[in-house]
Protein backbone atom coordinates (compact mmCIF):
# COMPACT_ATOMS: atom_id res chain seq x y z
CA MET A 1 0.00 0.00 0.00
CA CYS A 2 1.25 3.47 -0.86
CA ALA A 3 0.03 6.82 0.37
CA LEU A 4 0.16 9.50 -2.30
CA SER A 5 2.71 11.97 -0.99
CA MET A 6 3.11 15.50 -2.28
CA SER A 7 6.12 14.43 -4.33
CA TYR A 8 3.97 12.24 -6.60
CA LYS A 9 1.29 14.85 -7.24
CA TRP A 10 3.23 16.56 -10.03
CA SER A 11 2.95 13.54 -12.29
CA LEU A 12 -0.42 12.03 -11.37
CA PRO A 13 -3.88 13.55 -11.67
CA ASN A 14 -5.72 14.24 -8.42
CA THR A 15 -8.58 12.13 -9.77
CA LEU A 16 -6.52 8.91 -9.95
CA PRO A 17 -8.71 6.38 -8.07
CA LYS A 18 -7.59 5.61 -4.53
CA LYS A 19 -7.64 1.89 -5.38
CA LEU A 20 -4.89 2.47 -7.97
CA ILE A 21 -2.86 4.66 -5.63
CA ASN A 22 -3.09 2.07 -2.86
CA SER A 23 -2.05 -0.75 -5.19
CA ALA A 24 1.19 1.05 -6.14
CA LYS A 25 4.64 0.44 -4.73
CA SER A 26 6.97 3.35 -4.11
CA LEU A 27 10.35 3.54 -5.83
CA GLU A 28 11.76 6.04 -3.32
CA HIS A 29 14.11 3.41 -1.84
CA LEU A 30 15.81 3.44 -5.26
CA GLY A 31 16.09 7.23 -5.24
CA ILE A 32 13.20 7.57 -7.70
CA VAL A 33 10.15 9.65 -6.77
CA GLU A 34 7.71 7.52 -8.73
CA LEU A 35 5.24 4.70 -8.28
CA ALA A 36 5.05 1.29 -9.95
CA TRP A 37 2.15 -1.11 -10.39
CA ASP A 38 1.70 -4.80 -11.09
CA CYS A 39 0.53 -5.76 -14.58
CA GLN A 40 -3.21 -5.58 -13.98
CA ASN A 41 -3.10 -2.25 -12.15
CA ALA A 42 -0.52 -0.74 -14.54
CA VAL A 43 -2.90 -1.39 -17.44
CA MET A 44 -5.73 0.27 -15.49
CA VAL A 45 -3.51 3.30 -14.77
CA VAL A 46 -2.60 3.56 -18.47
CA GLU A 47 -6.28 3.45 -19.45
CA PHE A 48 -7.17 6.03 -16.80
CA LEU A 49 -4.39 8.44 -17.79
CA CYS A 50 -5.18 8.20 -21.50
CA GLU A 51 -8.86 8.82 -20.76
CA TYR A 52 -7.73 12.15 -19.27
CA ASN A 53 -5.58 12.95 -22.32
CA TYR A 54 -2.22 11.93 -20.86
CA ALA A 55 0.18 10.38 -23.36
CA ILE A 56 2.28 7.50 -22.06
CA LEU A 57 5.80 8.35 -23.17
CA GLY A 58 7.30 5.12 -21.82
CA GLY A 59 8.01 3.23 -18.66
CA ASP A 60 10.40 1.08 -16.68
CA VAL A 61 10.18 -2.45 -15.35
CA TYR A 62 11.01 -3.53 -11.78
CA ARG A 63 11.23 -6.99 -10.27
CA LEU A 64 9.71 -7.81 -6.90
CA ILE A 65 12.41 -9.47 -4.79
CA ASN A 66 11.88 -10.18 -1.07
CA GLY A 67 9.07 -7.62 -0.92
CA GLY A 68 11.10 -4.82 -2.53
CA LEU A 69 11.43 -3.62 -6.10
CA GLU A 70 14.70 -3.71 -8.05
CA SER A 71 15.28 -2.36 -11.55
CA THR A 72 15.45 -4.86 -14.40
CA TYR A 73 16.83 -2.11 -16.66
CA ASP A 74 14.06 -3.02 -19.14
CA SER A 75 11.96 -0.17 -20.48
CA TRP A 76 10.01 1.14 -23.43
CA TYR A 77 9.45 4.58 -24.94
CA LEU A 78 7.50 6.25 -27.70
CA ASN A 79 8.64 9.24 -29.72
CA LYS A 80 6.09 11.85 -30.79
CA ASP A 81 5.16 11.54 -34.44
CA VAL A 82 4.57 15.12 -35.64
CA THR A 83 2.27 13.87 -38.40
CA LYS A 84 -0.26 12.62 -35.82
CA SER A 85 -2.80 14.61 -33.87
CA ARG A 86 -2.62 14.75 -30.07
CA GLU A 87 -5.58 12.34 -29.87
CA GLN A 88 -3.90 9.86 -32.23
CA PHE A 89 -0.67 10.05 -30.24
CA VAL A 90 -2.46 9.45 -26.92
CA GLU A 91 -4.21 6.41 -28.43
CA GLU A 92 -0.97 5.08 -29.91
CA SER A 93 0.82 5.59 -26.58
CA LYS A 94 -1.93 3.71 -24.76
CA ASN A 95 -1.78 0.79 -27.19
CA LYS A 96 2.02 0.57 -27.04
CA ALA A 97 2.14 0.73 -23.23
CA ILE A 98 -0.56 -1.92 -22.77
CA ALA A 99 1.04 -4.18 -25.39
CA TYR A 100 4.50 -3.87 -23.79
CA ILE A 101 3.22 -4.49 -20.25
CA SER A 102 1.01 -7.42 -21.34
CA GLN A 103 3.75 -9.06 -23.41
CA TYR A 104 6.35 -8.60 -20.66
CA HIS A 105 3.97 -10.14 -18.16
CA ALA A 106 3.18 -13.09 -20.47
CA ARG A 107 6.91 -13.81 -20.98
CA ASN A 108 8.11 -13.21 -17.42
CA GLY A 109 5.26 -13.73 -14.95
CA ASP A 110 3.77 -11.93 -11.99
CA ASP A 111 6.87 -10.70 -10.12
CA PHE A 112 7.20 -7.48 -12.13
CA TYR A 113 6.01 -3.92 -11.63
CA TYR A 114 5.81 -1.09 -14.16
CA SER A 115 6.36 2.63 -13.71
CA LEU A 116 4.96 5.06 -16.25
CA VAL A 117 6.20 8.30 -17.78
CA SER A 118 3.27 10.42 -18.92
CA LYS A 119 2.63 13.90 -20.20
CA ARG A 120 -0.60 15.81 -20.51
CA ASN A 121 0.55 19.15 -21.90
CA LYS A 122 0.69 19.89 -25.58
CA PHE A 123 3.87 18.84 -27.37
CA GLU A 124 5.98 21.31 -29.26
């Protein structure tokens, strides 16, 4: 369980459901002021963020070992395609994030958590 501290508020909407906040694990012990979720909850967070017009720019994967998370150094990212509208980019980012998380989970199992990098503001 993870309480949403002030340090996380810059990257997450205030309307993120408490269930999703509470299901997150903090990465502060790694020196990272972010949260990570298991596969099922990470997909729900992606869907929620994209519903509110956040683009998922990428994410990192962490392995659960003895109750704590450690980096696997696996990640994904998505570059902005200037030929696409903001709405198309948000949809593409959602699809890529869900596909990556789902495929990683299918190949590697339940002991992995996913952090997300998102952006809501307009891209230059």
